[in-house]
Amino acid sequence: MVTFLISHKLLDVSHPNEDPAPTDPSSTPVTGPQPVVPGGKEKVPSQIKVLIAAAFVIAIGYGIVAPVLPQFASSFGVGVAAASAVVSAFALCRLLFAPASGAVVNKLGERPTYLIGLLVVAVSSAATAFAETYWQLLLFRGLGGVGSTMFTVSAMGLIVRLAPPRMRGRISGFYATAFLLGGILGPVVGGLLAGFGMQAPFIIYAVALLIASAVVYLRLKDETLAARKAKNPQPPMTFHEAFQVGAYRSALVSSFATGWTAYGVRVALIPLLAVQLVGEGPRVAGLALAVFAAGNALALTFTGRLTDKLGRKPLILTGLSVCALATIGVGLVSSVPLFVILSLISGMGSGTLNPGQQAAVADVIGPERAGGRVLSRYQMSADAGQILGPILAGALADAAGFGWAFGVSGGLMLLAALAWLPAKETMPPEENPKNENPDDQHQRG
C-alpha cells in the first residue's frame, strides 16, 4: 500500500497554487480526456495515477518471482530446457490468449477485464507456490499468462480512454517508468526474501496483486466510463478499421521489432555475448542490462513530454534509429567500456521510442471508442517478437556469430523506422475542446 501512496504523490504534476480546471456542474464528472486549461497545465487524471501505481506494484511482484522461477522448476528434477519452458509458457499463453482478451475487453469493458486479469494472475501465483509437480507448475504459470494479457490490454484501453489527448506521450512515459522501476526494484526485494524459501516470492506477489485489485476496484469506478460511453455511443474499433491507418500499421512493425530486439534478444543474448565475445562473466552482463534500464529510465524523464510537444513520429524515428545503431554496435565490439556505453545508448533509444509509439496507437483509437481487438494485436506483435527473437537470433549466433545476430536485430529496427516514414502524424491539435478524435482529419491513407 505504501508504494501506491508514494507513486500517487510523485505523479501529482499539478501545482499547489493552480486553480482547478473549470467544470460544468450539469455534466457528468470528467475522467477522460480534458481540454487544455488556459494559463495552466493539464493534470494527470487521478484514475490514471491509480493505474500507474498498480503497474509499479505489479512490476515489483513480477521482478520478485522472475529470478526464483527457474530454480523452483529445477527443484522438481527437470533439466534446463524444461525449467526454461516454464518461463516461455507465460509468454506463449499471453500471445495465444491476446485475441480473446481483446474480445473480452470489448464485451465487458476495460475495468472489469483489468480486475479479472489481476485476480487470475494472483490466484495462479498463489497456486504456483503450492505446486506439487512440474506439470502443475507449468499449468499455473500458463494461467498467469492468460491473466497477464487481460490486464495489459485493458490497462492500455483505460489509458486510451482516460488520458487527455495532449498528454498521451507523457502518460505513456509515466506508465512505462512505473513498470521499469518496479522491474528494477523487484529482484532486489526478491533477494532480501531468499531466506524465506522459494514459495515466499509467489505468495507475496499474489498478495501484492490482491492489494492492487482492491485499490483499482475502489478508486477506479465504472460509472463515469459508462456515462461517457452512453453519451457518445460508438461501436468498438475493429482491427480492419485500424489497419487502414498508416500509423497503426507502422506501430505493429515497430512493436514487433522492439519486442524482438529490446525485450527478447537483449535479455537472452547479452549474457552469452558478455561471456563468449567480450570475455567477461555475469558481472558485466548484469551491468549491461542495468545500464540499459538506466538509459531507458533517463530517456523517459523527458521523451514523453517531447512526444506531446513535437509529435509522435519524430520521437519514434529517433528512438528506432538510435536503438538500431547501438544494437548493431553491441555485436561488433570487444571492449567492456564500449559494450556498456552502447547498452546505455540502446536503452535511451528504447525510452525515446516507446511513449510516441503507444501514444500513436492511442491517437488512432481515440477516447470515445473501445479498442480491445486493436490493442490486443498491437500487444501480440511485441509478444511474437519477444518469443521469436531469442530463438532465431540465437540460431543465427550459433551459425554465423554474434555480429550477425545483433546486426540482423538492429536491421529490423531500421526497417521499422522505414515503415514509419510514410505514416502521417497522429498527434491531435493543440486545442481540441470538444474532445473529439482528431485522427479522421489527417490520418487515413
Protein backbone atom coordinates (compact mmCIF):
# COMPACT_ATOMS: atom_id res chain seq x y z
CA MET A 1 0.00 0.00 0.00
CA VAL A 2 2.90 2.33 0.71
CA THR A 3 4.07 2.03 -2.89
CA PHE A 4 0.63 3.18 -4.09
CA LEU A 5 0.78 6.29 -1.90
CA ILE A 6 4.33 7.11 -2.98
CA SER A 7 3.54 6.66 -6.67
CA HIS A 8 0.37 8.72 -6.34
CA LYS A 9 2.26 11.58 -4.71
CA LEU A 10 5.15 11.55 -7.19
CA LEU A 11 2.78 11.61 -10.14
CA ASP A 12 0.83 14.64 -8.93
CA VAL A 13 2.04 17.06 -11.60
CA SER A 14 -0.34 19.84 -10.55
CA HIS A 15 0.89 22.88 -8.71
CA PRO A 16 -0.47 23.91 -5.31
CA ASN A 17 -1.38 27.41 -6.46
CA GLU A 18 -3.14 26.31 -9.63
CA ASP A 19 -6.85 26.75 -9.91
CA PRO A 20 -8.70 23.60 -10.85
CA ALA A 21 -9.99 23.27 -14.38
CA PRO A 22 -13.49 24.73 -14.74
CA THR A 23 -16.24 22.16 -14.82
CA ASP A 24 -19.83 22.15 -15.96
CA PRO A 25 -21.90 21.29 -12.88
CA SER A 26 -24.64 19.86 -15.04
CA SER A 27 -22.38 17.35 -16.68
CA THR A 28 -21.04 14.00 -15.54
CA PRO A 29 -17.63 14.32 -13.82
CA VAL A 30 -14.95 14.09 -16.47
CA THR A 31 -12.43 11.32 -16.02
CA GLY A 32 -11.28 11.04 -19.61
CA PRO A 33 -9.50 13.47 -21.94
CA GLN A 34 -9.80 17.04 -20.78
CA PRO A 35 -9.33 20.28 -22.71
CA VAL A 36 -6.28 22.43 -22.18
CA VAL A 37 -6.77 24.82 -19.28
CA PRO A 38 -5.85 28.38 -20.32
CA GLY A 39 -3.00 29.70 -18.25
CA GLY A 40 -2.35 26.39 -16.53
CA LYS A 41 -1.17 22.86 -17.08
CA GLU A 42 -3.23 19.77 -17.65
CA LYS A 43 -3.33 17.41 -14.73
CA VAL A 44 -2.83 13.69 -14.82
CA PRO A 45 -6.30 12.25 -14.09
CA SER A 46 -6.46 10.56 -10.70
CA GLN A 47 -7.68 7.33 -12.29
CA ILE A 48 -4.53 7.11 -14.38
CA LYS A 49 -2.44 7.68 -11.26
CA VAL A 50 -4.12 4.60 -9.82
CA LEU A 51 -3.20 2.59 -12.94
CA ILE A 52 0.40 3.79 -12.82
CA ALA A 53 0.72 2.92 -9.14
CA ALA A 54 -0.81 -0.50 -9.83
CA ALA A 55 1.71 -1.03 -12.65
CA PHE A 56 4.53 -0.28 -10.21
CA VAL A 57 3.30 -2.88 -7.72
CA ILE A 58 2.70 -5.47 -10.45
CA ALA A 59 6.20 -4.98 -11.85
CA ILE A 60 7.79 -5.31 -8.41
CA GLY A 61 5.94 -8.57 -7.88
CA TYR A 62 6.97 -9.93 -11.25
CA GLY A 63 10.57 -8.94 -10.54
CA ILE A 64 10.40 -10.81 -7.23
CA VAL A 65 9.35 -14.12 -8.80
CA ALA A 66 11.31 -13.98 -12.07
CA PRO A 67 14.76 -14.88 -10.61
CA VAL A 68 13.29 -17.68 -8.46
CA LEU A 69 11.11 -19.36 -11.08
CA PRO A 70 13.80 -21.35 -12.99
CA GLN A 71 15.28 -22.61 -9.71
CA PHE A 72 11.82 -23.57 -8.46
CA ALA A 73 11.19 -25.51 -11.67
CA SER A 74 14.56 -27.27 -11.34
CA SER A 75 13.62 -28.42 -7.85
CA PHE A 76 11.19 -30.87 -9.48
CA GLY A 77 14.14 -32.72 -11.00
CA VAL A 78 13.80 -31.45 -14.59
CA GLY A 79 16.57 -30.28 -16.91
CA VAL A 80 17.47 -26.79 -18.08
CA ALA A 81 15.20 -26.91 -21.14
CA ALA A 82 12.16 -27.92 -19.07
CA ALA A 83 12.94 -25.27 -16.45
CA SER A 84 13.18 -22.63 -19.18
CA ALA A 85 9.88 -23.82 -20.67
CA VAL A 86 8.10 -22.60 -17.53
CA VAL A 87 9.24 -19.07 -18.39
CA SER A 88 8.24 -19.48 -22.04
CA ALA A 89 4.79 -20.86 -21.09
CA PHE A 90 3.87 -17.50 -19.54
CA ALA A 91 4.83 -15.57 -22.70
CA LEU A 92 3.25 -18.14 -25.02
CA CYS A 93 -0.10 -18.02 -23.21
CA ARG A 94 -0.01 -14.22 -23.34
CA LEU A 95 0.42 -14.43 -27.11
CA LEU A 96 -2.23 -17.10 -27.70
CA PHE A 97 -4.87 -15.50 -25.47
CA ALA A 98 -4.35 -11.93 -26.71
CA PRO A 99 -7.09 -12.07 -29.40
CA ALA A 100 -9.61 -13.41 -26.88
CA SER A 101 -8.62 -10.78 -24.33
CA GLY A 102 -9.38 -8.05 -26.86
CA ALA A 103 -12.85 -9.51 -27.36
CA VAL A 104 -13.36 -9.70 -23.58
CA VAL A 105 -12.44 -6.01 -23.24
CA ASN A 106 -14.97 -5.05 -25.91
CA LYS A 107 -17.63 -7.21 -24.26
CA LEU A 108 -17.15 -6.50 -20.54
CA GLY A 109 -15.31 -3.18 -20.59
CA GLU A 110 -11.79 -2.21 -19.57
CA ARG A 111 -12.20 -2.06 -15.79
CA PRO A 112 -13.88 -5.47 -15.25
CA THR A 113 -11.36 -7.13 -17.58
CA TYR A 114 -8.49 -5.45 -15.74
CA LEU A 115 -9.72 -6.67 -12.36
CA ILE A 116 -10.39 -10.20 -13.61
CA GLY A 117 -6.91 -10.34 -15.12
CA LEU A 118 -5.27 -9.25 -11.87
CA LEU A 119 -7.24 -11.81 -9.89
CA VAL A 120 -6.37 -14.60 -12.33
CA VAL A 121 -2.65 -13.82 -12.00
CA ALA A 122 -2.97 -13.58 -8.21
CA VAL A 123 -4.66 -16.98 -7.95
CA SER A 124 -2.21 -18.59 -10.38
CA SER A 125 0.75 -17.14 -8.46
CA ALA A 126 -0.55 -18.47 -5.15
CA ALA A 127 -1.22 -21.85 -6.76
CA THR A 128 2.32 -21.88 -8.17
CA ALA A 129 3.71 -21.63 -4.66
CA PHE A 130 1.94 -24.87 -3.74
CA ALA A 131 2.54 -26.79 -6.99
CA GLU A 132 3.46 -30.40 -6.22
CA THR A 133 4.61 -31.48 -9.70
CA TYR A 134 6.37 -29.87 -12.64
CA TRP A 135 3.25 -30.14 -14.78
CA GLN A 136 1.18 -28.32 -12.20
CA LEU A 137 3.79 -25.58 -12.16
CA LEU A 138 3.67 -25.33 -15.96
CA LEU A 139 -0.14 -25.14 -15.93
CA PHE A 140 -0.31 -22.48 -13.23
CA ARG A 141 2.27 -20.26 -14.95
CA GLY A 142 0.38 -20.60 -18.22
CA LEU A 143 -2.81 -19.43 -16.49
CA GLY A 144 -0.84 -16.48 -15.19
CA GLY A 145 -0.03 -15.54 -18.79
CA VAL A 146 -3.75 -15.56 -19.61
CA GLY A 147 -4.48 -13.15 -16.76
CA SER A 148 -1.47 -11.02 -17.66
CA THR A 149 -2.67 -10.33 -21.19
CA MET A 150 -6.13 -9.46 -19.85
CA PHE A 151 -4.93 -6.71 -17.54
CA THR A 152 -2.27 -5.50 -20.00
CA VAL A 153 -4.72 -4.97 -22.87
CA SER A 154 -7.38 -3.48 -20.60
CA ALA A 155 -4.85 -1.13 -18.96
CA MET A 156 -3.86 0.18 -22.38
CA GLY A 157 -7.56 0.61 -23.17
CA LEU A 158 -8.14 2.58 -19.97
CA ILE A 159 -5.20 4.85 -20.70
CA VAL A 160 -6.51 5.45 -24.23
CA ARG A 161 -9.93 6.36 -22.81
CA LEU A 162 -8.79 8.45 -19.84
CA ALA A 163 -5.63 10.22 -21.00
CA PRO A 164 -6.03 13.80 -22.25
CA PRO A 165 -5.04 13.72 -25.95
CA ARG A 166 -2.22 16.24 -25.48
CA MET A 167 -0.79 14.22 -22.56
CA ARG A 168 -0.73 10.76 -24.10
CA GLY A 169 3.02 10.78 -24.57
CA ARG A 170 3.73 11.87 -21.01
CA ILE A 171 1.27 9.40 -19.54
CA SER A 172 2.74 6.58 -21.63
CA GLY A 173 6.14 7.61 -20.26
CA PHE A 174 4.86 7.62 -16.66
CA TYR A 175 3.32 4.18 -17.13
CA ALA A 176 6.48 2.73 -18.70
CA THR A 177 8.61 4.26 -15.94
CA ALA A 178 6.45 2.65 -13.26
CA PHE A 179 6.95 -0.77 -14.84
CA LEU A 180 10.66 -0.11 -15.30
CA LEU A 181 11.27 0.99 -11.71
CA GLY A 182 9.21 -1.89 -10.37
CA GLY A 183 11.18 -4.30 -12.54
CA ILE A 184 14.45 -2.92 -11.19
CA LEU A 185 13.38 -3.00 -7.54
CA GLY A 186 11.67 -6.39 -7.76
CA PRO A 187 14.81 -8.56 -7.95
CA VAL A 188 16.33 -6.53 -5.10
CA VAL A 189 13.32 -7.26 -2.91
CA GLY A 190 13.38 -10.87 -4.09
CA GLY A 191 16.98 -11.19 -2.95
CA LEU A 192 16.03 -9.99 0.51
CA LEU A 193 13.33 -12.67 0.63
CA ALA A 194 15.66 -15.50 -0.38
CA GLY A 195 15.91 -16.79 3.17
CA PHE A 196 12.16 -17.43 3.39
CA GLY A 197 12.13 -20.19 0.78
CA MET A 198 11.24 -20.39 -2.90
CA GLN A 199 7.48 -20.34 -2.26
CA ALA A 200 7.52 -16.98 -0.46
CA PRO A 201 8.00 -14.74 -3.55
CA PHE A 202 4.95 -16.25 -5.26
CA ILE A 203 2.76 -15.73 -2.20
CA ILE A 204 3.98 -12.16 -1.79
CA TYR A 205 3.29 -11.50 -5.48
CA ALA A 206 -0.25 -12.85 -5.05
CA VAL A 207 -0.85 -10.58 -2.04
CA ALA A 208 0.51 -7.55 -3.95
CA LEU A 209 -1.86 -8.28 -6.83
CA LEU A 210 -4.81 -8.57 -4.45
CA ILE A 211 -3.90 -5.18 -2.96
CA ALA A 212 -3.66 -3.72 -6.47
CA SER A 213 -7.06 -5.21 -7.33
CA ALA A 214 -8.66 -3.73 -4.23
CA VAL A 215 -7.25 -0.25 -4.87
CA VAL A 216 -8.30 -0.28 -8.53
CA TYR A 217 -11.77 -1.54 -7.57
CA LEU A 218 -12.23 1.22 -5.00
CA ARG A 219 -10.56 4.11 -6.82
CA LEU A 220 -11.46 3.48 -10.47
CA LYS A 221 -15.21 3.44 -10.86
CA ASP A 222 -17.19 2.31 -13.89
CA GLU A 223 -19.89 4.95 -13.60
CA THR A 224 -18.10 7.78 -15.39
CA LEU A 225 -16.75 5.45 -18.07
CA ALA A 226 -20.26 4.15 -18.69
CA ALA A 227 -21.63 7.71 -18.78
CA ARG A 228 -19.13 8.72 -21.46
CA LYS A 229 -19.98 5.63 -23.46
CA ALA A 230 -23.73 6.29 -23.18
CA LYS A 231 -23.26 9.92 -24.14
CA ASN A 232 -21.19 9.06 -27.21
CA PRO A 233 -22.29 5.58 -28.28
CA GLN A 234 -19.90 4.24 -30.91
CA PRO A 235 -19.10 0.65 -31.89
CA PRO A 236 -15.71 -0.79 -30.91
CA MET A 237 -12.97 -0.14 -33.44
CA THR A 238 -12.19 -3.21 -35.50
CA PHE A 239 -8.72 -4.39 -36.38
CA HIS A 240 -9.51 -3.95 -40.09
CA GLU A 241 -10.52 -0.35 -39.46
CA ALA A 242 -7.37 0.45 -37.51
CA PHE A 243 -5.21 -1.34 -40.08
CA GLN A 244 -6.34 1.20 -42.68
CA VAL A 245 -4.40 3.86 -40.75
CA GLY A 246 -0.76 4.03 -41.77
CA ALA A 247 0.45 4.88 -38.26
CA TYR A 248 -1.16 1.75 -36.82
CA ARG A 249 0.42 -0.47 -39.47
CA SER A 250 3.77 1.11 -38.71
CA ALA A 251 3.23 0.63 -34.96
CA LEU A 252 2.69 -3.10 -35.50
CA VAL A 253 6.03 -3.32 -37.32
CA SER A 254 7.96 -1.29 -34.74
CA SER A 255 6.30 -3.16 -31.87
CA PHE A 256 7.46 -6.49 -33.33
CA ALA A 257 10.98 -5.16 -33.87
CA THR A 258 11.12 -3.74 -30.34
CA GLY A 259 9.88 -7.00 -28.83
CA TRP A 260 12.47 -8.92 -30.84
CA THR A 261 15.42 -6.67 -30.04
CA ALA A 262 14.86 -4.74 -26.82
CA TYR A 263 12.94 -7.37 -24.85
CA GLY A 264 13.93 -10.68 -26.44
CA VAL A 265 17.47 -10.63 -27.83
CA ARG A 266 18.75 -8.22 -25.19
CA VAL A 267 17.75 -10.47 -22.28
CA ALA A 268 18.63 -13.77 -23.95
CA LEU A 269 21.88 -12.99 -25.80
CA ILE A 270 23.56 -10.16 -23.88
CA PRO A 271 24.65 -12.52 -21.04
CA LEU A 272 26.04 -15.02 -23.58
CA LEU A 273 27.76 -12.28 -25.55
CA ALA A 274 29.39 -10.95 -22.38
CA VAL A 275 30.96 -14.34 -21.73
CA GLN A 276 31.85 -15.52 -25.21
CA LEU A 277 32.76 -12.34 -27.07
CA VAL A 278 33.69 -9.68 -24.55
CA GLY A 279 35.42 -12.26 -22.37
CA GLU A 280 33.68 -11.34 -19.14
CA GLY A 281 31.18 -13.16 -16.97
CA PRO A 282 27.79 -12.47 -15.38
CA ARG A 283 29.07 -9.32 -13.67
CA VAL A 284 29.46 -7.44 -16.96
CA ALA A 285 26.27 -8.95 -18.37
CA GLY A 286 24.34 -7.72 -15.34
CA LEU A 287 25.96 -4.30 -15.69
CA ALA A 288 24.94 -4.11 -19.35
CA LEU A 289 21.34 -4.99 -18.55
CA ALA A 290 21.30 -2.49 -15.68
CA VAL A 291 22.64 0.40 -17.76
CA PHE A 292 20.08 -0.40 -20.49
CA ALA A 293 17.37 0.05 -17.87
CA ALA A 294 19.08 3.22 -16.62
CA GLY A 295 19.22 4.64 -20.15
CA ASN A 296 15.58 3.79 -20.63
CA ALA A 297 14.61 5.50 -17.38
CA LEU A 298 16.75 8.55 -18.21
CA ALA A 299 15.12 8.98 -21.61
CA LEU A 300 11.62 8.54 -20.22
CA THR A 301 12.10 11.57 -17.95
CA PHE A 302 11.79 13.89 -20.93
CA THR A 303 10.75 11.97 -24.07
CA GLY A 304 7.11 11.67 -23.03
CA ARG A 305 6.81 15.46 -22.81
CA LEU A 306 8.68 15.90 -26.10
CA THR A 307 6.29 13.43 -27.72
CA ASP A 308 3.37 15.68 -26.77
CA LYS A 309 5.24 18.80 -27.90
CA LEU A 310 6.99 17.77 -31.13
CA GLY A 311 4.75 14.92 -32.26
CA ARG A 312 4.80 11.14 -32.13
CA LYS A 313 6.65 10.45 -35.37
CA PRO A 314 9.90 12.40 -34.74
CA LEU A 315 10.48 10.66 -31.40
CA ILE A 316 9.62 7.24 -32.84
CA LEU A 317 12.04 7.65 -35.74
CA THR A 318 14.78 8.92 -33.44
CA GLY A 319 14.30 6.10 -30.94
CA LEU A 320 14.24 3.37 -33.60
CA SER A 321 17.38 4.73 -35.29
CA VAL A 322 19.36 5.13 -32.07
CA CYS A 323 18.35 1.70 -30.78
CA ALA A 324 19.14 0.10 -34.16
CA LEU A 325 22.65 1.54 -34.47
CA ALA A 326 23.51 0.80 -30.84
CA THR A 327 22.28 -2.80 -31.21
CA ILE A 328 24.40 -3.34 -34.31
CA GLY A 329 27.38 -1.86 -32.48
CA VAL A 330 26.93 -4.17 -29.47
CA GLY A 331 27.52 -7.20 -31.70
CA LEU A 332 30.75 -5.78 -33.08
CA VAL A 333 32.65 -4.55 -30.02
CA SER A 334 35.05 -6.48 -27.81
CA SER A 335 35.75 -3.69 -25.30
CA VAL A 336 33.88 -3.73 -22.00
CA PRO A 337 33.52 0.10 -21.77
CA LEU A 338 32.11 0.31 -25.31
CA PHE A 339 29.86 -2.66 -24.61
CA VAL A 340 28.38 -0.89 -21.59
CA ILE A 341 28.13 2.51 -23.31
CA LEU A 342 26.29 1.04 -26.28
CA SER A 343 23.92 -0.75 -23.92
CA LEU A 344 23.19 2.61 -22.28
CA ILE A 345 22.55 4.26 -25.66
CA SER A 346 20.32 1.40 -26.73
CA GLY A 347 18.25 1.85 -23.56
CA MET A 348 17.90 5.56 -24.28
CA GLY A 349 16.71 4.74 -27.78
CA SER A 350 14.08 2.40 -26.39
CA GLY A 351 12.94 5.03 -23.90
CA THR A 352 12.66 7.58 -26.72
CA LEU A 353 10.61 5.27 -28.91
CA ASN A 354 8.03 3.80 -26.54
CA PRO A 355 5.98 6.85 -25.43
CA GLY A 356 5.45 8.01 -29.01
CA GLN A 357 4.59 4.55 -30.27
CA GLN A 358 1.98 3.95 -27.57
CA ALA A 359 0.58 7.46 -27.91
CA ALA A 360 0.21 6.98 -31.69
CA VAL A 361 -1.84 3.82 -31.17
CA ALA A 362 -4.00 5.70 -28.64
CA ASP A 363 -4.47 8.53 -31.16
CA VAL A 364 -5.70 6.06 -33.76
CA ILE A 365 -8.33 4.59 -31.43
CA GLY A 366 -9.41 7.84 -29.77
CA PRO A 367 -11.09 8.24 -26.35
CA GLU A 368 -14.68 7.55 -27.41
CA ARG A 369 -14.32 4.03 -28.78
CA ALA A 370 -13.35 0.68 -27.32
CA GLY A 371 -10.30 -0.78 -29.00
CA GLY A 372 -9.75 -4.14 -27.34
CA ARG A 373 -9.00 -6.04 -30.53
CA VAL A 374 -6.83 -3.24 -31.88
CA LEU A 375 -4.76 -3.14 -28.70
CA SER A 376 -4.51 -6.91 -28.42
CA ARG A 377 -3.00 -7.17 -31.92
CA TYR A 378 -0.55 -4.43 -31.04
CA GLN A 379 0.49 -6.37 -27.93
CA MET A 380 0.67 -9.61 -29.90
CA SER A 381 3.20 -8.11 -32.28
CA ALA A 382 5.55 -7.32 -29.38
CA ASP A 383 5.00 -10.72 -27.76
CA ALA A 384 5.67 -12.50 -31.06
CA GLY A 385 8.92 -10.60 -31.46
CA GLN A 386 9.92 -11.35 -27.88
CA ILE A 387 9.36 -15.08 -28.42
CA LEU A 388 10.86 -15.40 -31.91
CA GLY A 389 13.82 -13.06 -31.41
CA PRO A 390 15.85 -15.13 -28.94
CA ILE A 391 15.20 -18.35 -30.89
CA LEU A 392 16.07 -17.12 -34.38
CA ALA A 393 18.81 -14.71 -33.33
CA GLY A 394 20.28 -17.41 -31.12
CA ALA A 395 20.33 -19.84 -34.04
CA LEU A 396 21.98 -17.16 -36.17
CA ALA A 397 24.60 -16.56 -33.48
CA ASP A 398 25.42 -20.28 -33.44
CA ALA A 399 25.68 -20.42 -37.22
CA ALA A 400 27.38 -17.13 -38.07
CA GLY A 401 28.36 -15.37 -34.83
CA PHE A 402 27.01 -12.68 -32.52
CA GLY A 403 27.84 -9.93 -35.01
CA TRP A 404 25.24 -11.28 -37.42
CA ALA A 405 22.68 -11.92 -34.69
CA PHE A 406 22.83 -8.36 -33.35
CA GLY A 407 23.25 -6.96 -36.87
CA VAL A 408 20.01 -8.54 -38.05
CA SER A 409 18.25 -7.43 -34.87
CA GLY A 410 19.40 -3.85 -35.39
CA GLY A 411 18.43 -4.13 -39.04
CA LEU A 412 14.86 -4.96 -38.01
CA MET A 413 14.75 -1.71 -36.04
CA LEU A 414 15.94 0.20 -39.13
CA LEU A 415 13.26 -1.48 -41.24
CA ALA A 416 10.71 -0.41 -38.65
CA ALA A 417 11.98 3.18 -38.98
CA LEU A 418 11.50 2.94 -42.74
CA ALA A 419 7.96 1.69 -42.15
CA TRP A 420 7.23 4.87 -40.18
CA LEU A 421 8.49 7.28 -42.87
CA PRO A 422 5.27 7.32 -44.96
CA ALA A 423 2.99 7.37 -41.89
CA LYS A 424 1.19 10.62 -41.11
CA GLU A 425 1.50 12.36 -37.75
CA THR A 426 -1.28 11.38 -35.34
CA MET A 427 -0.89 13.97 -32.57
CA PRO A 428 -4.13 15.92 -32.09
CA PRO A 429 -4.25 19.70 -32.46
CA GLU A 430 -3.12 21.99 -29.64
CA GLU A 431 -6.67 22.68 -28.57
CA ASN A 432 -9.49 20.22 -29.03
CA PRO A 433 -12.18 21.42 -26.61
CA LYS A 434 -14.83 19.01 -27.81
CA ASN A 435 -12.52 16.08 -27.06
CA GLU A 436 -13.21 14.69 -30.49
CA ASN A 437 -10.97 12.12 -32.07
CA PRO A 438 -8.83 14.17 -34.49
CA ASP A 439 -7.44 11.18 -36.31
CA ASP A 440 -10.03 11.09 -39.06
CA GLN A 441 -8.93 14.58 -40.10
CA HIS A 442 -5.42 13.71 -41.16
CA GLN A 443 -4.59 10.02 -40.72
CA ARG A 444 -6.33 7.97 -43.33
CA GLY A 445 -4.42 6.58 -46.24
